[in-house]
N, C-alpha and C. Protein backbone atom coordinates (compact mmCIF):
# COMPACT_ATOMS: atom_id res chain seq x y z
N MET A 1 -1.97 -22.07 31.16
CA MET A 1 -1.13 -22.20 29.96
C MET A 1 0.30 -22.52 30.38
N SER A 2 0.89 -23.55 29.76
CA SER A 2 2.25 -23.94 30.11
C SER A 2 3.25 -22.93 29.56
N GLN A 3 4.47 -23.00 30.10
CA GLN A 3 5.51 -22.07 29.66
C GLN A 3 5.83 -22.28 28.17
N SER A 4 5.86 -23.55 27.73
CA SER A 4 6.18 -23.83 26.33
C SER A 4 5.09 -23.30 25.40
N GLU A 5 3.83 -23.42 25.82
CA GLU A 5 2.73 -22.90 25.00
C GLU A 5 2.80 -21.38 24.92
N ASN A 6 3.15 -20.75 26.04
CA ASN A 6 3.27 -19.30 26.06
C ASN A 6 4.38 -18.83 25.12
N MET A 7 5.51 -19.56 25.12
CA MET A 7 6.62 -19.21 24.24
C MET A 7 6.21 -19.33 22.78
N VAL A 8 5.42 -20.36 22.47
CA VAL A 8 4.95 -20.55 21.10
C VAL A 8 4.09 -19.38 20.67
N LEU A 9 3.18 -18.94 21.57
CA LEU A 9 2.28 -17.84 21.24
C LEU A 9 3.06 -16.53 21.05
N VAL A 10 4.04 -16.30 21.91
CA VAL A 10 4.86 -15.09 21.79
C VAL A 10 5.61 -15.10 20.46
N GLY A 11 6.20 -16.27 20.12
CA GLY A 11 6.93 -16.38 18.87
C GLY A 11 6.02 -16.19 17.66
N THR A 12 4.82 -16.74 17.74
CA THR A 12 3.87 -16.60 16.65
C THR A 12 3.43 -15.15 16.50
N GLY A 13 3.27 -14.46 17.63
CA GLY A 13 2.87 -13.05 17.60
C GLY A 13 3.90 -12.20 16.89
N ALA A 14 5.18 -12.45 17.17
CA ALA A 14 6.26 -11.69 16.51
C ALA A 14 6.28 -11.98 15.01
N LEU A 15 6.00 -13.23 14.66
CA LEU A 15 5.97 -13.64 13.26
C LEU A 15 4.83 -12.94 12.52
N ILE A 16 3.67 -12.91 13.14
CA ILE A 16 2.51 -12.24 12.55
C ILE A 16 2.78 -10.76 12.37
N GLU A 17 3.42 -10.15 13.36
CA GLU A 17 3.74 -8.73 13.28
C GLU A 17 4.66 -8.44 12.10
N SER A 18 5.64 -9.31 11.90
CA SER A 18 6.56 -9.14 10.77
C SER A 18 5.82 -9.25 9.44
N LEU A 19 4.93 -10.22 9.35
CA LEU A 19 4.17 -10.41 8.12
C LEU A 19 3.28 -9.21 7.83
N LEU A 20 2.63 -8.68 8.86
CA LEU A 20 1.74 -7.54 8.67
C LEU A 20 2.51 -6.26 8.30
N LYS A 21 3.79 -6.23 8.62
CA LYS A 21 4.64 -5.09 8.23
C LYS A 21 5.05 -5.17 6.76
N GLY A 22 4.71 -6.30 6.13
CA GLY A 22 5.08 -6.47 4.73
C GLY A 22 6.41 -7.17 4.53
N GLU A 23 6.94 -7.75 5.59
CA GLU A 23 8.23 -8.43 5.47
C GLU A 23 8.07 -9.79 4.79
N PHE A 24 9.13 -10.22 4.12
CA PHE A 24 9.17 -11.54 3.49
C PHE A 24 9.99 -12.45 4.40
N ILE A 25 9.38 -13.54 4.82
CA ILE A 25 10.04 -14.45 5.75
C ILE A 25 10.69 -15.59 4.98
N CYS A 26 12.01 -15.69 5.07
CA CYS A 26 12.73 -16.79 4.44
C CYS A 26 13.84 -17.23 5.39
N LYS A 27 14.57 -18.24 5.00
CA LYS A 27 15.62 -18.77 5.86
C LYS A 27 16.72 -17.74 6.11
N THR A 28 16.94 -16.86 5.14
CA THR A 28 18.01 -15.87 5.26
C THR A 28 17.61 -14.70 6.16
N THR A 29 16.37 -14.22 6.03
CA THR A 29 15.95 -13.04 6.79
C THR A 29 15.52 -13.37 8.21
N ASN A 30 14.91 -14.55 8.40
CA ASN A 30 14.34 -14.91 9.70
C ASN A 30 14.26 -16.43 9.77
N GLU A 31 15.39 -17.05 10.08
CA GLU A 31 15.45 -18.52 10.04
C GLU A 31 14.49 -19.16 11.04
N ASP A 32 14.40 -18.58 12.25
CA ASP A 32 13.50 -19.15 13.26
C ASP A 32 12.05 -19.07 12.79
N GLY A 33 11.67 -17.92 12.26
CA GLY A 33 10.31 -17.75 11.76
C GLY A 33 10.04 -18.66 10.58
N TRP A 34 11.01 -18.77 9.69
CA TRP A 34 10.87 -19.64 8.53
C TRP A 34 10.69 -21.09 8.94
N ARG A 35 11.49 -21.54 9.91
CA ARG A 35 11.37 -22.92 10.38
C ARG A 35 10.01 -23.14 11.05
N ALA A 36 9.55 -22.14 11.79
CA ALA A 36 8.25 -22.27 12.45
C ALA A 36 7.14 -22.44 11.42
N LEU A 37 7.25 -21.70 10.31
CA LEU A 37 6.21 -21.76 9.28
C LEU A 37 6.29 -23.03 8.44
N GLN A 38 7.31 -23.82 8.64
CA GLN A 38 7.38 -25.11 7.97
C GLN A 38 6.45 -26.12 8.64
N THR A 39 5.99 -25.82 9.86
CA THR A 39 5.13 -26.75 10.59
C THR A 39 3.66 -26.37 10.37
N PRO A 40 2.84 -27.35 10.04
CA PRO A 40 1.41 -27.09 9.80
C PRO A 40 0.71 -26.40 10.96
N ALA A 41 1.06 -26.75 12.20
CA ALA A 41 0.39 -26.18 13.37
C ALA A 41 0.62 -24.67 13.44
N THR A 42 1.86 -24.25 13.21
CA THR A 42 2.17 -22.81 13.26
C THR A 42 1.48 -22.08 12.11
N ARG A 43 1.53 -22.66 10.92
CA ARG A 43 0.87 -22.02 9.77
C ARG A 43 -0.62 -21.86 10.03
N GLU A 44 -1.23 -22.86 10.68
CA GLU A 44 -2.66 -22.78 10.98
C GLU A 44 -2.96 -21.67 11.98
N ARG A 45 -2.11 -21.53 13.00
CA ARG A 45 -2.31 -20.46 13.99
C ARG A 45 -2.16 -19.09 13.34
N VAL A 46 -1.13 -18.94 12.52
CA VAL A 46 -0.90 -17.67 11.84
C VAL A 46 -2.05 -17.35 10.89
N GLU A 47 -2.47 -18.36 10.12
CA GLU A 47 -3.55 -18.16 9.16
C GLU A 47 -4.86 -17.79 9.86
N THR A 48 -5.16 -18.43 10.97
CA THR A 48 -6.39 -18.14 11.72
C THR A 48 -6.41 -16.69 12.19
N TYR A 49 -5.28 -16.23 12.69
CA TYR A 49 -5.21 -14.84 13.16
C TYR A 49 -5.32 -13.87 11.99
N LEU A 50 -4.56 -14.14 10.92
CA LEU A 50 -4.58 -13.23 9.77
C LEU A 50 -5.96 -13.14 9.12
N ASN A 51 -6.68 -14.26 9.11
CA ASN A 51 -8.02 -14.26 8.51
C ASN A 51 -8.96 -13.28 9.17
N GLN A 52 -8.76 -13.03 10.48
CA GLN A 52 -9.59 -12.07 11.20
C GLN A 52 -9.37 -10.65 10.68
N LEU A 53 -8.22 -10.42 10.03
CA LEU A 53 -7.87 -9.10 9.50
C LEU A 53 -8.00 -9.06 7.98
N ASN A 54 -8.71 -10.05 7.43
CA ASN A 54 -8.85 -10.18 5.98
C ASN A 54 -7.50 -10.36 5.30
N ARG A 55 -6.62 -11.06 5.97
CA ARG A 55 -5.30 -11.37 5.41
C ARG A 55 -5.13 -12.88 5.36
N THR A 56 -4.14 -13.30 4.59
CA THR A 56 -3.84 -14.72 4.49
C THR A 56 -2.34 -14.92 4.35
N LEU A 57 -1.87 -16.08 4.74
CA LEU A 57 -0.45 -16.40 4.62
C LEU A 57 -0.19 -16.91 3.21
N ALA A 58 0.61 -16.19 2.46
CA ALA A 58 0.94 -16.57 1.08
C ALA A 58 2.39 -17.04 1.03
N SER A 59 2.73 -17.76 -0.02
CA SER A 59 4.10 -18.25 -0.15
C SER A 59 4.55 -18.20 -1.61
N ALA A 60 5.86 -18.27 -1.79
CA ALA A 60 6.45 -18.28 -3.13
C ALA A 60 7.65 -19.21 -3.10
N ALA A 61 8.19 -19.49 -4.28
CA ALA A 61 9.38 -20.34 -4.40
C ALA A 61 9.18 -21.69 -3.72
N ASP A 62 8.05 -22.32 -4.02
CA ASP A 62 7.73 -23.65 -3.48
C ASP A 62 7.76 -23.68 -1.95
N GLY A 63 7.22 -22.63 -1.34
CA GLY A 63 7.12 -22.62 0.11
C GLY A 63 8.37 -22.19 0.84
N GLU A 64 9.34 -21.65 0.11
CA GLU A 64 10.59 -21.20 0.75
C GLU A 64 10.50 -19.76 1.22
N VAL A 65 9.49 -19.03 0.77
CA VAL A 65 9.31 -17.62 1.13
C VAL A 65 7.85 -17.40 1.52
N PHE A 66 7.63 -16.73 2.66
CA PHE A 66 6.28 -16.47 3.13
C PHE A 66 6.05 -14.96 3.24
N PHE A 67 4.82 -14.55 2.92
CA PHE A 67 4.46 -13.14 3.04
C PHE A 67 2.95 -13.05 3.25
N CYS A 68 2.49 -11.85 3.50
CA CYS A 68 1.09 -11.62 3.83
C CYS A 68 0.32 -11.12 2.61
N GLY A 69 -0.80 -11.77 2.33
CA GLY A 69 -1.65 -11.33 1.23
C GLY A 69 -3.06 -11.05 1.75
N TYR A 70 -3.93 -10.59 0.86
CA TYR A 70 -5.32 -10.33 1.24
C TYR A 70 -6.15 -11.59 1.04
N LEU A 71 -7.08 -11.80 1.95
CA LEU A 71 -7.98 -12.96 1.88
C LEU A 71 -9.07 -12.72 0.84
N GLN A 72 -9.72 -11.56 0.94
CA GLN A 72 -10.76 -11.17 -0.01
C GLN A 72 -10.46 -9.76 -0.53
N LEU A 73 -10.79 -9.53 -1.77
CA LEU A 73 -10.46 -8.25 -2.39
C LEU A 73 -11.69 -7.37 -2.55
N GLY A 74 -11.72 -6.28 -1.79
CA GLY A 74 -12.72 -5.25 -1.96
C GLY A 74 -12.08 -4.08 -2.68
N GLU A 75 -12.79 -2.98 -2.78
CA GLU A 75 -12.26 -1.82 -3.50
C GLU A 75 -10.99 -1.28 -2.84
N ALA A 76 -10.99 -1.20 -1.51
CA ALA A 76 -9.83 -0.67 -0.80
C ALA A 76 -8.61 -1.57 -1.00
N GLU A 77 -8.83 -2.90 -0.92
CA GLU A 77 -7.72 -3.84 -1.08
C GLU A 77 -7.16 -3.80 -2.50
N ARG A 78 -8.06 -3.66 -3.47
CA ARG A 78 -7.61 -3.59 -4.87
C ARG A 78 -6.74 -2.36 -5.10
N LYS A 79 -7.09 -1.25 -4.46
CA LYS A 79 -6.30 -0.03 -4.61
C LYS A 79 -4.90 -0.24 -4.05
N VAL A 80 -4.82 -0.90 -2.90
CA VAL A 80 -3.51 -1.16 -2.29
C VAL A 80 -2.67 -2.06 -3.18
N ILE A 81 -3.29 -3.13 -3.68
CA ILE A 81 -2.57 -4.07 -4.53
C ILE A 81 -2.13 -3.41 -5.83
N SER A 82 -3.01 -2.59 -6.40
CA SER A 82 -2.66 -1.88 -7.64
C SER A 82 -1.47 -0.96 -7.41
N SER A 83 -1.46 -0.28 -6.26
CA SER A 83 -0.35 0.61 -5.93
C SER A 83 0.95 -0.18 -5.77
N GLN A 84 0.86 -1.31 -5.08
CA GLN A 84 2.05 -2.15 -4.88
C GLN A 84 2.55 -2.71 -6.21
N PHE A 85 1.61 -3.10 -7.06
CA PHE A 85 1.97 -3.67 -8.36
C PHE A 85 2.67 -2.63 -9.24
N ARG A 86 2.14 -1.40 -9.23
CA ARG A 86 2.78 -0.33 -10.00
C ARG A 86 4.18 -0.05 -9.49
N GLU A 87 4.33 -0.11 -8.16
CA GLU A 87 5.64 0.14 -7.55
C GLU A 87 6.64 -0.93 -7.99
N ILE A 88 6.19 -2.18 -8.00
CA ILE A 88 7.07 -3.27 -8.43
C ILE A 88 7.43 -3.12 -9.90
N CYS A 89 6.42 -2.79 -10.72
CA CYS A 89 6.67 -2.65 -12.17
C CYS A 89 7.67 -1.54 -12.46
N SER A 90 7.57 -0.44 -11.73
CA SER A 90 8.48 0.69 -11.95
C SER A 90 9.92 0.34 -11.57
N ALA A 91 10.05 -0.68 -10.70
CA ALA A 91 11.39 -1.07 -10.23
C ALA A 91 11.96 -2.23 -11.03
N LEU A 92 11.16 -2.85 -11.89
CA LEU A 92 11.60 -4.07 -12.56
C LEU A 92 12.85 -3.89 -13.42
N ILE A 93 12.84 -2.87 -14.28
CA ILE A 93 13.97 -2.71 -15.20
C ILE A 93 15.28 -2.48 -14.46
N PRO A 94 15.35 -1.53 -13.50
CA PRO A 94 16.62 -1.38 -12.77
C PRO A 94 17.03 -2.63 -12.00
N LEU A 95 16.04 -3.36 -11.44
CA LEU A 95 16.36 -4.58 -10.70
C LEU A 95 16.88 -5.66 -11.63
N VAL A 96 16.24 -5.82 -12.79
CA VAL A 96 16.69 -6.82 -13.75
C VAL A 96 18.09 -6.48 -14.25
N GLU A 97 18.34 -5.21 -14.54
CA GLU A 97 19.67 -4.81 -15.01
C GLU A 97 20.73 -5.05 -13.93
N TRP A 98 20.36 -4.80 -12.68
CA TRP A 98 21.29 -5.06 -11.58
C TRP A 98 21.59 -6.55 -11.46
N LEU A 99 20.55 -7.38 -11.56
CA LEU A 99 20.72 -8.83 -11.47
C LEU A 99 21.62 -9.34 -12.58
N VAL A 100 21.43 -8.83 -13.79
CA VAL A 100 22.26 -9.24 -14.93
C VAL A 100 23.71 -8.82 -14.70
N LEU A 101 23.91 -7.61 -14.22
CA LEU A 101 25.26 -7.10 -13.97
C LEU A 101 25.98 -7.96 -12.93
N VAL A 102 25.30 -8.26 -11.83
CA VAL A 102 25.92 -9.08 -10.78
C VAL A 102 26.24 -10.47 -11.30
N GLN A 103 25.31 -11.04 -12.05
CA GLN A 103 25.53 -12.39 -12.59
C GLN A 103 26.74 -12.43 -13.51
N GLU A 104 26.83 -11.44 -14.40
CA GLU A 104 27.94 -11.43 -15.36
C GLU A 104 29.27 -11.10 -14.70
N ALA A 105 29.25 -10.07 -13.85
CA ALA A 105 30.50 -9.65 -13.20
C ALA A 105 31.03 -10.72 -12.25
N SER A 106 30.10 -11.53 -11.71
CA SER A 106 30.51 -12.60 -10.79
C SER A 106 30.86 -13.88 -11.52
N GLY A 107 30.55 -13.92 -12.82
CA GLY A 107 30.84 -15.12 -13.60
C GLY A 107 29.95 -16.29 -13.25
N GLN A 108 28.72 -16.00 -12.79
CA GLN A 108 27.79 -17.05 -12.39
C GLN A 108 26.94 -17.49 -13.58
N ASP A 109 26.55 -18.76 -13.57
CA ASP A 109 25.72 -19.30 -14.65
C ASP A 109 24.23 -19.05 -14.41
N ALA A 110 23.86 -18.79 -13.17
CA ALA A 110 22.45 -18.62 -12.83
C ALA A 110 22.26 -17.33 -12.03
N PRO A 111 21.06 -16.76 -12.08
CA PRO A 111 20.80 -15.53 -11.32
C PRO A 111 20.82 -15.77 -9.82
N LEU A 112 20.92 -14.69 -9.07
CA LEU A 112 20.94 -14.78 -7.62
C LEU A 112 19.65 -15.40 -7.09
N THR A 113 19.78 -16.23 -6.09
CA THR A 113 18.61 -16.76 -5.39
C THR A 113 18.84 -16.61 -3.89
N GLU A 114 17.81 -16.85 -3.14
CA GLU A 114 17.85 -16.66 -1.68
C GLU A 114 19.04 -17.40 -1.06
N GLY A 115 19.79 -16.67 -0.23
CA GLY A 115 20.92 -17.26 0.47
C GLY A 115 22.26 -17.06 -0.21
N ALA A 116 22.25 -16.65 -1.49
CA ALA A 116 23.50 -16.45 -2.22
C ALA A 116 24.26 -15.26 -1.66
N ALA A 117 25.57 -15.40 -1.52
CA ALA A 117 26.41 -14.35 -0.95
C ALA A 117 27.04 -13.50 -2.05
N ILE A 118 27.11 -12.20 -1.80
CA ILE A 118 27.79 -11.27 -2.71
C ILE A 118 28.87 -10.55 -1.92
N ARG A 119 30.10 -10.71 -2.34
CA ARG A 119 31.21 -9.99 -1.70
C ARG A 119 31.40 -8.68 -2.45
N LEU A 120 30.97 -7.61 -1.82
CA LEU A 120 30.91 -6.32 -2.51
C LEU A 120 32.28 -5.86 -3.00
N THR A 121 33.31 -6.05 -2.21
CA THR A 121 34.65 -5.59 -2.60
C THR A 121 35.11 -6.29 -3.88
N GLU A 122 34.89 -7.61 -3.96
CA GLU A 122 35.29 -8.37 -5.14
C GLU A 122 34.47 -7.95 -6.36
N LEU A 123 33.17 -7.80 -6.15
CA LEU A 123 32.29 -7.40 -7.25
C LEU A 123 32.68 -6.02 -7.77
N GLN A 124 32.94 -5.10 -6.86
CA GLN A 124 33.31 -3.74 -7.25
C GLN A 124 34.60 -3.74 -8.08
N SER A 125 35.57 -4.54 -7.68
CA SER A 125 36.84 -4.61 -8.41
C SER A 125 36.63 -5.09 -9.83
N ARG A 126 35.79 -6.10 -10.00
CA ARG A 126 35.53 -6.64 -11.34
C ARG A 126 34.79 -5.63 -12.20
N ILE A 127 33.87 -4.89 -11.60
CA ILE A 127 33.13 -3.88 -12.35
C ILE A 127 34.05 -2.74 -12.77
N GLU A 128 34.90 -2.30 -11.84
CA GLU A 128 35.80 -1.19 -12.14
C GLU A 128 36.85 -1.56 -13.19
N ASP A 129 37.17 -2.85 -13.29
CA ASP A 129 38.18 -3.30 -14.26
C ASP A 129 37.61 -3.53 -15.65
N THR A 130 36.28 -3.44 -15.78
CA THR A 130 35.63 -3.71 -17.07
C THR A 130 34.79 -2.51 -17.49
N PRO A 131 35.20 -1.78 -18.53
CA PRO A 131 34.48 -0.58 -18.96
C PRO A 131 32.98 -0.81 -19.19
N ALA A 132 32.60 -1.94 -19.79
CA ALA A 132 31.19 -2.21 -20.07
C ALA A 132 30.40 -2.33 -18.77
N PHE A 133 31.01 -2.96 -17.77
CA PHE A 133 30.34 -3.10 -16.47
C PHE A 133 30.22 -1.75 -15.77
N ARG A 134 31.26 -0.94 -15.87
CA ARG A 134 31.22 0.39 -15.25
C ARG A 134 30.10 1.23 -15.86
N GLU A 135 29.96 1.12 -17.17
CA GLU A 135 28.92 1.87 -17.86
C GLU A 135 27.53 1.41 -17.43
N GLN A 136 27.37 0.09 -17.29
CA GLN A 136 26.08 -0.44 -16.86
C GLN A 136 25.75 -0.02 -15.44
N LEU A 137 26.74 -0.05 -14.55
CA LEU A 137 26.53 0.39 -13.17
C LEU A 137 26.12 1.86 -13.13
N ALA A 138 26.81 2.69 -13.91
CA ALA A 138 26.50 4.12 -13.94
C ALA A 138 25.06 4.35 -14.40
N LYS A 139 24.64 3.58 -15.40
CA LYS A 139 23.29 3.73 -15.93
C LYS A 139 22.23 3.32 -14.91
N LEU A 140 22.37 2.13 -14.35
CA LEU A 140 21.31 1.64 -13.45
C LEU A 140 21.29 2.40 -12.12
N SER A 141 22.44 2.92 -11.69
CA SER A 141 22.48 3.65 -10.42
C SER A 141 21.72 4.98 -10.50
N GLN A 142 21.49 5.45 -11.73
CA GLN A 142 20.80 6.72 -11.91
C GLN A 142 19.29 6.57 -12.03
N TYR A 143 18.81 5.33 -12.10
CA TYR A 143 17.36 5.13 -12.11
C TYR A 143 16.76 5.71 -10.83
N ARG A 144 15.51 6.11 -10.90
CA ARG A 144 14.85 6.70 -9.74
C ARG A 144 14.88 5.78 -8.52
N LEU A 145 14.86 4.47 -8.76
CA LEU A 145 14.88 3.50 -7.67
C LEU A 145 16.10 3.70 -6.78
N PHE A 146 17.24 4.05 -7.40
CA PHE A 146 18.49 4.24 -6.66
C PHE A 146 18.83 5.72 -6.49
N GLY A 147 18.68 6.48 -7.54
CA GLY A 147 18.85 7.93 -7.44
C GLY A 147 20.26 8.43 -7.21
N SER A 148 21.25 7.75 -7.76
CA SER A 148 22.63 8.21 -7.59
C SER A 148 22.93 9.41 -8.49
N THR A 149 23.70 10.36 -7.96
CA THR A 149 24.15 11.51 -8.75
C THR A 149 25.67 11.50 -8.86
N SER A 150 26.29 10.45 -8.32
CA SER A 150 27.75 10.37 -8.33
C SER A 150 28.28 9.84 -9.65
N THR A 151 29.50 10.22 -9.98
CA THR A 151 30.18 9.73 -11.18
C THR A 151 31.22 8.67 -10.81
N GLN A 152 31.34 8.37 -9.52
CA GLN A 152 32.32 7.41 -9.03
C GLN A 152 31.67 6.04 -8.80
N ALA A 153 32.31 5.00 -9.33
CA ALA A 153 31.76 3.64 -9.20
C ALA A 153 31.62 3.23 -7.74
N ASP A 154 32.57 3.62 -6.92
CA ASP A 154 32.53 3.26 -5.50
C ASP A 154 31.25 3.78 -4.84
N ALA A 155 30.94 5.04 -5.05
CA ALA A 155 29.74 5.64 -4.46
C ALA A 155 28.48 5.05 -5.08
N GLN A 156 28.52 4.80 -6.39
CA GLN A 156 27.35 4.26 -7.09
C GLN A 156 26.97 2.88 -6.56
N ILE A 157 27.94 1.99 -6.46
CA ILE A 157 27.63 0.62 -6.08
C ILE A 157 27.22 0.53 -4.61
N LYS A 158 27.82 1.35 -3.76
CA LYS A 158 27.45 1.33 -2.35
C LYS A 158 26.03 1.85 -2.13
N LEU A 159 25.65 2.87 -2.92
CA LEU A 159 24.29 3.38 -2.83
C LEU A 159 23.29 2.33 -3.29
N VAL A 160 23.60 1.66 -4.41
CA VAL A 160 22.71 0.63 -4.95
C VAL A 160 22.50 -0.47 -3.91
N PHE A 161 23.57 -0.94 -3.30
CA PHE A 161 23.45 -2.02 -2.32
C PHE A 161 22.72 -1.55 -1.06
N ARG A 162 22.95 -0.32 -0.65
CA ARG A 162 22.23 0.20 0.52
C ARG A 162 20.73 0.24 0.27
N ARG A 163 20.35 0.68 -0.94
CA ARG A 163 18.93 0.74 -1.29
C ARG A 163 18.32 -0.66 -1.36
N LEU A 164 19.08 -1.62 -1.87
CA LEU A 164 18.56 -2.99 -1.99
C LEU A 164 18.36 -3.62 -0.62
N VAL A 165 19.18 -3.22 0.35
CA VAL A 165 18.96 -3.67 1.73
C VAL A 165 17.68 -3.03 2.28
N GLU A 166 17.52 -1.74 2.03
CA GLU A 166 16.32 -1.03 2.49
C GLU A 166 15.05 -1.62 1.88
N LEU A 167 15.14 -2.06 0.63
CA LEU A 167 13.98 -2.63 -0.07
C LEU A 167 13.74 -4.10 0.26
N GLY A 168 14.67 -4.71 0.99
CA GLY A 168 14.47 -6.09 1.44
C GLY A 168 14.97 -7.16 0.50
N TYR A 169 15.70 -6.78 -0.56
CA TYR A 169 16.23 -7.78 -1.49
C TYR A 169 17.57 -8.35 -1.03
N LEU A 170 18.25 -7.61 -0.17
CA LEU A 170 19.53 -8.06 0.38
C LEU A 170 19.54 -7.83 1.89
N VAL A 171 20.38 -8.59 2.57
CA VAL A 171 20.66 -8.33 3.98
C VAL A 171 22.17 -8.31 4.15
N ARG A 172 22.61 -7.57 5.16
CA ARG A 172 24.04 -7.51 5.48
C ARG A 172 24.20 -8.00 6.91
N PRO A 173 24.46 -9.30 7.08
CA PRO A 173 24.48 -9.90 8.43
C PRO A 173 25.48 -9.26 9.39
N ASN A 174 26.63 -8.85 8.87
CA ASN A 174 27.68 -8.26 9.71
C ASN A 174 28.04 -6.89 9.17
N SER A 175 27.73 -5.84 9.94
CA SER A 175 27.96 -4.47 9.48
C SER A 175 29.45 -4.16 9.28
N GLU A 176 30.33 -5.01 9.83
CA GLU A 176 31.76 -4.77 9.70
C GLU A 176 32.34 -5.43 8.45
N LYS A 177 31.51 -6.23 7.76
CA LYS A 177 31.99 -6.92 6.56
C LYS A 177 31.14 -6.53 5.36
N GLN A 178 31.78 -6.45 4.20
CA GLN A 178 31.09 -6.08 2.96
C GLN A 178 30.55 -7.32 2.25
N ILE A 179 29.81 -8.12 3.02
CA ILE A 179 29.22 -9.34 2.46
C ILE A 179 27.70 -9.24 2.59
N TYR A 180 27.00 -9.43 1.48
CA TYR A 180 25.54 -9.32 1.45
C TYR A 180 24.94 -10.67 1.05
N LEU A 181 23.76 -10.94 1.55
CA LEU A 181 23.05 -12.17 1.20
C LEU A 181 21.75 -11.83 0.50
N ALA A 182 21.44 -12.56 -0.56
CA ALA A 182 20.17 -12.38 -1.25
C ALA A 182 19.05 -12.97 -0.40
N THR A 183 17.91 -12.30 -0.39
CA THR A 183 16.78 -12.78 0.41
C THR A 183 15.73 -13.43 -0.50
N GLY A 184 14.73 -14.03 0.14
CA GLY A 184 13.66 -14.68 -0.59
C GLY A 184 12.81 -13.71 -1.38
N LYS A 185 12.93 -12.42 -1.09
CA LYS A 185 12.15 -11.44 -1.86
C LYS A 185 12.59 -11.44 -3.32
N LEU A 186 13.84 -11.81 -3.59
CA LEU A 186 14.31 -11.93 -4.97
C LEU A 186 13.59 -13.07 -5.68
N ASP A 187 13.40 -14.19 -4.97
CA ASP A 187 12.70 -15.32 -5.56
C ASP A 187 11.24 -14.94 -5.84
N TYR A 188 10.67 -14.16 -4.94
CA TYR A 188 9.31 -13.65 -5.16
C TYR A 188 9.28 -12.74 -6.39
N LEU A 189 10.32 -11.92 -6.54
CA LEU A 189 10.41 -11.02 -7.70
C LEU A 189 10.44 -11.82 -9.00
N TYR A 190 11.16 -12.94 -9.02
CA TYR A 190 11.22 -13.76 -10.23
C TYR A 190 9.82 -14.27 -10.60
N GLU A 191 9.04 -14.63 -9.59
CA GLU A 191 7.69 -15.11 -9.87
C GLU A 191 6.82 -13.97 -10.41
N VAL A 192 7.01 -12.77 -9.89
CA VAL A 192 6.28 -11.60 -10.40
C VAL A 192 6.66 -11.35 -11.86
N ILE A 193 7.96 -11.44 -12.16
CA ILE A 193 8.43 -11.22 -13.52
C ILE A 193 7.82 -12.25 -14.47
N ARG A 194 7.80 -13.52 -14.04
CA ARG A 194 7.21 -14.55 -14.89
C ARG A 194 5.72 -14.29 -15.10
N PHE A 195 5.04 -13.86 -14.04
CA PHE A 195 3.60 -13.57 -14.14
C PHE A 195 3.36 -12.43 -15.14
N ILE A 196 4.13 -11.36 -15.01
CA ILE A 196 3.96 -10.21 -15.92
C ILE A 196 4.32 -10.62 -17.34
N ASP A 197 5.38 -11.40 -17.47
CA ASP A 197 5.80 -11.88 -18.79
C ASP A 197 4.68 -12.65 -19.48
N GLU A 198 4.03 -13.52 -18.71
CA GLU A 198 2.98 -14.38 -19.26
C GLU A 198 1.70 -13.61 -19.57
N THR A 199 1.38 -12.61 -18.73
CA THR A 199 0.10 -11.91 -18.90
C THR A 199 0.21 -10.64 -19.74
N GLU A 200 1.38 -10.01 -19.70
CA GLU A 200 1.54 -8.74 -20.41
C GLU A 200 2.43 -8.82 -21.64
N GLY A 201 3.14 -9.94 -21.77
CA GLY A 201 4.00 -10.10 -22.94
C GLY A 201 5.17 -9.12 -22.97
N LEU A 202 5.70 -8.79 -21.78
CA LEU A 202 6.80 -7.82 -21.74
C LEU A 202 8.15 -8.45 -22.10
N GLN A 203 8.23 -9.79 -22.01
CA GLN A 203 9.45 -10.52 -22.37
C GLN A 203 10.68 -9.95 -21.64
N LEU A 204 10.55 -9.79 -20.35
CA LEU A 204 11.65 -9.22 -19.56
C LEU A 204 12.87 -10.13 -19.56
N GLU A 205 12.63 -11.45 -19.52
CA GLU A 205 13.76 -12.37 -19.52
C GLU A 205 14.54 -12.26 -20.83
N ALA A 206 13.80 -12.12 -21.94
CA ALA A 206 14.45 -11.98 -23.24
C ALA A 206 15.23 -10.67 -23.31
N GLN A 207 14.67 -9.60 -22.72
CA GLN A 207 15.37 -8.32 -22.70
C GLN A 207 16.67 -8.43 -21.92
N ALA A 208 16.61 -9.13 -20.80
CA ALA A 208 17.81 -9.29 -19.98
C ALA A 208 18.87 -10.08 -20.73
N GLU A 209 18.44 -11.15 -21.46
CA GLU A 209 19.38 -11.96 -22.22
C GLU A 209 19.99 -11.15 -23.36
N THR A 210 19.16 -10.30 -24.00
CA THR A 210 19.65 -9.46 -25.09
C THR A 210 20.69 -8.47 -24.58
N ALA A 211 20.40 -7.87 -23.40
CA ALA A 211 21.35 -6.94 -22.80
C ALA A 211 22.66 -7.63 -22.49
N SER A 212 22.54 -8.89 -22.03
CA SER A 212 23.74 -9.67 -21.71
C SER A 212 24.55 -9.94 -22.97
N SER A 213 23.87 -10.31 -24.05
CA SER A 213 24.58 -10.61 -25.31
C SER A 213 25.25 -9.36 -25.86
N GLN A 214 24.57 -8.22 -25.76
CA GLN A 214 25.13 -6.98 -26.26
C GLN A 214 26.41 -6.61 -25.52
N ARG A 215 26.43 -6.85 -24.21
CA ARG A 215 27.63 -6.50 -23.45
C ARG A 215 28.78 -7.44 -23.78
N GLU A 216 28.44 -8.70 -24.12
CA GLU A 216 29.50 -9.65 -24.47
C GLU A 216 30.17 -9.23 -25.78
N LEU A 217 29.44 -8.50 -26.62
CA LEU A 217 29.99 -8.08 -27.91
C LEU A 217 30.86 -6.83 -27.79
N ILE A 218 30.72 -6.13 -26.65
CA ILE A 218 31.47 -4.88 -26.48
C ILE A 218 32.96 -5.16 -26.25
């Protein structure tokens, strides 16, 4: 085996390990891995290995985000998926409220997508200067997903962002700077929301828009 072939196998092994851990591979979280998965040969190697474990390489956002799914669904796999689905559903409302808050406080026309930067200091200042935003932050920070018990906006927002990093929705490339980047897991979340909206009729997007309109009236 040549040195270049060995390097490819080592790189593919690390990529497979990340996928099996439940990580979402995108340009922001793992640019090398993401670029590797853009090539058919690498995707085939990864897929062949995953298939041996009853797993498959899945993607979202038109191939911009990769993650690991099940190849065939038995009783055990269905239980795992059901558990994961319930976990996502329980987190939807606080996540949607957070996305709406960031979009409005940042003055953006569109929701966050993979690669978008959030400057925490600037965002915090805008939230603290607007009573309606402070109230929304206080509310969403107390959801079980975040679990804040603080009455201070500074502590609330830092806890929320720390949890979002832990959950894989944000990354903080430089620990010395208060700059966060949205990951591809957010784009995956949007697809989950659309799926639930279409199948369950929860109208989450409409709820988010209504919440936005209500705050504009305050």
